[in-house]
């Protein structure tokens, strides 16, 4: 999918994988990107959310999985 001339990669995933994909992308960026995490990664992740909600058939389950992964990734929550 293309948005504002930029290609957006959006994987078709079941909701449980959407959670881990979102959380893990944010955890890695949080650890390694510094300030870019706040002004590039988080906005880019929100663009990905809108793409997922547009393309995926089970929007409610995808949104719950995405938001769960988003919150855990931003807060740095990871498995014990």
Protein backbone atom coordinates (compact mmCIF):
# COMPACT_ATOMS: atom_id res chain seq x y z
CA UNK A 1 0.00 0.00 0.00
CA UNK A 2 1.25 3.50 -0.78
CA UNK A 3 0.56 6.59 1.33
CA UNK A 4 1.94 10.05 0.52
CA UNK A 5 4.33 8.44 -1.94
CA UNK A 6 5.77 6.04 0.65
CA UNK A 7 5.24 2.32 0.64
CA UNK A 8 3.66 0.94 3.83
CA UNK A 9 4.26 -2.68 4.67
CA UNK A 10 1.35 -4.23 6.49
CA UNK A 11 1.49 -7.93 7.16
CA UNK A 12 -1.73 -9.91 7.28
CA UNK A 13 -1.57 -11.57 10.66
CA UNK A 14 -3.95 -13.29 13.04
CA UNK A 15 -4.72 -11.09 16.06
CA UNK A 16 -2.40 -12.93 18.47
CA UNK A 17 0.52 -12.42 16.08
CA UNK A 18 -0.52 -8.77 15.57
CA UNK A 19 -0.05 -8.20 19.31
CA UNK A 20 3.48 -9.66 19.33
CA UNK A 21 4.46 -7.95 16.06
CA UNK A 22 3.39 -4.56 17.38
CA UNK A 23 4.86 -5.02 20.86
CA UNK A 24 8.19 -6.37 19.63
CA UNK A 25 8.67 -3.67 17.00
CA UNK A 26 8.11 -1.04 19.69
CA UNK A 27 10.34 -2.76 22.26
CA UNK A 28 13.24 -2.93 19.81
CA UNK A 29 12.77 0.67 18.68
CA UNK A 30 12.42 1.86 22.29
CA UNK A 31 15.74 0.25 23.16
CA UNK A 32 17.74 1.22 20.07
CA UNK A 33 16.25 4.34 18.48
CA UNK A 34 16.49 6.96 21.22
CA UNK A 35 14.43 10.07 20.49
CA UNK A 36 13.45 8.68 17.08
CA UNK A 37 11.20 6.30 18.98
CA UNK A 38 8.91 9.20 19.90
CA UNK A 39 8.81 11.18 16.67
CA UNK A 40 9.16 8.39 14.07
CA UNK A 41 8.31 4.98 15.49
CA UNK A 42 5.15 5.84 17.40
CA UNK A 43 3.60 7.90 14.56
CA UNK A 44 4.59 5.19 12.06
CA UNK A 45 2.99 2.56 14.25
CA UNK A 46 -0.25 4.53 14.34
CA UNK A 47 -0.23 4.75 10.54
CA UNK A 48 0.19 0.97 10.53
CA UNK A 49 -2.89 0.71 12.78
CA UNK A 50 -5.07 2.58 10.29
CA UNK A 51 -3.74 0.39 7.49
CA UNK A 52 -4.53 -2.75 9.48
CA UNK A 53 -8.04 -1.53 10.25
CA UNK A 54 -8.59 -0.74 6.60
CA UNK A 55 -7.32 -4.04 5.20
CA UNK A 56 -8.06 -6.72 7.78
CA UNK A 57 -11.48 -8.40 7.91
CA UNK A 58 -11.70 -8.92 11.70
CA UNK A 59 -11.20 -5.28 12.69
CA UNK A 60 -12.30 -5.51 16.31
CA UNK A 61 -9.92 -8.37 17.20
CA UNK A 62 -7.10 -6.74 15.23
CA UNK A 63 -7.63 -3.41 17.00
CA UNK A 64 -7.60 -5.03 20.46
CA UNK A 65 -4.45 -6.97 19.65
CA UNK A 66 -2.79 -3.88 18.18
CA UNK A 67 -3.62 -1.64 21.14
CA UNK A 68 -2.47 -4.27 23.62
CA UNK A 69 0.85 -4.60 21.81
CA UNK A 70 1.13 -0.83 21.47
CA UNK A 71 0.63 -0.17 25.19
CA UNK A 72 3.01 -2.96 26.25
CA UNK A 73 5.63 -1.86 23.72
CA UNK A 74 5.50 1.82 24.65
CA UNK A 75 5.63 1.01 28.36
CA UNK A 76 8.45 -1.49 27.85
CA UNK A 77 6.50 -4.47 29.15
CA UNK A 78 7.96 -7.78 28.08
CA UNK A 79 7.60 -11.37 29.18
CA UNK A 80 9.22 -12.34 32.47
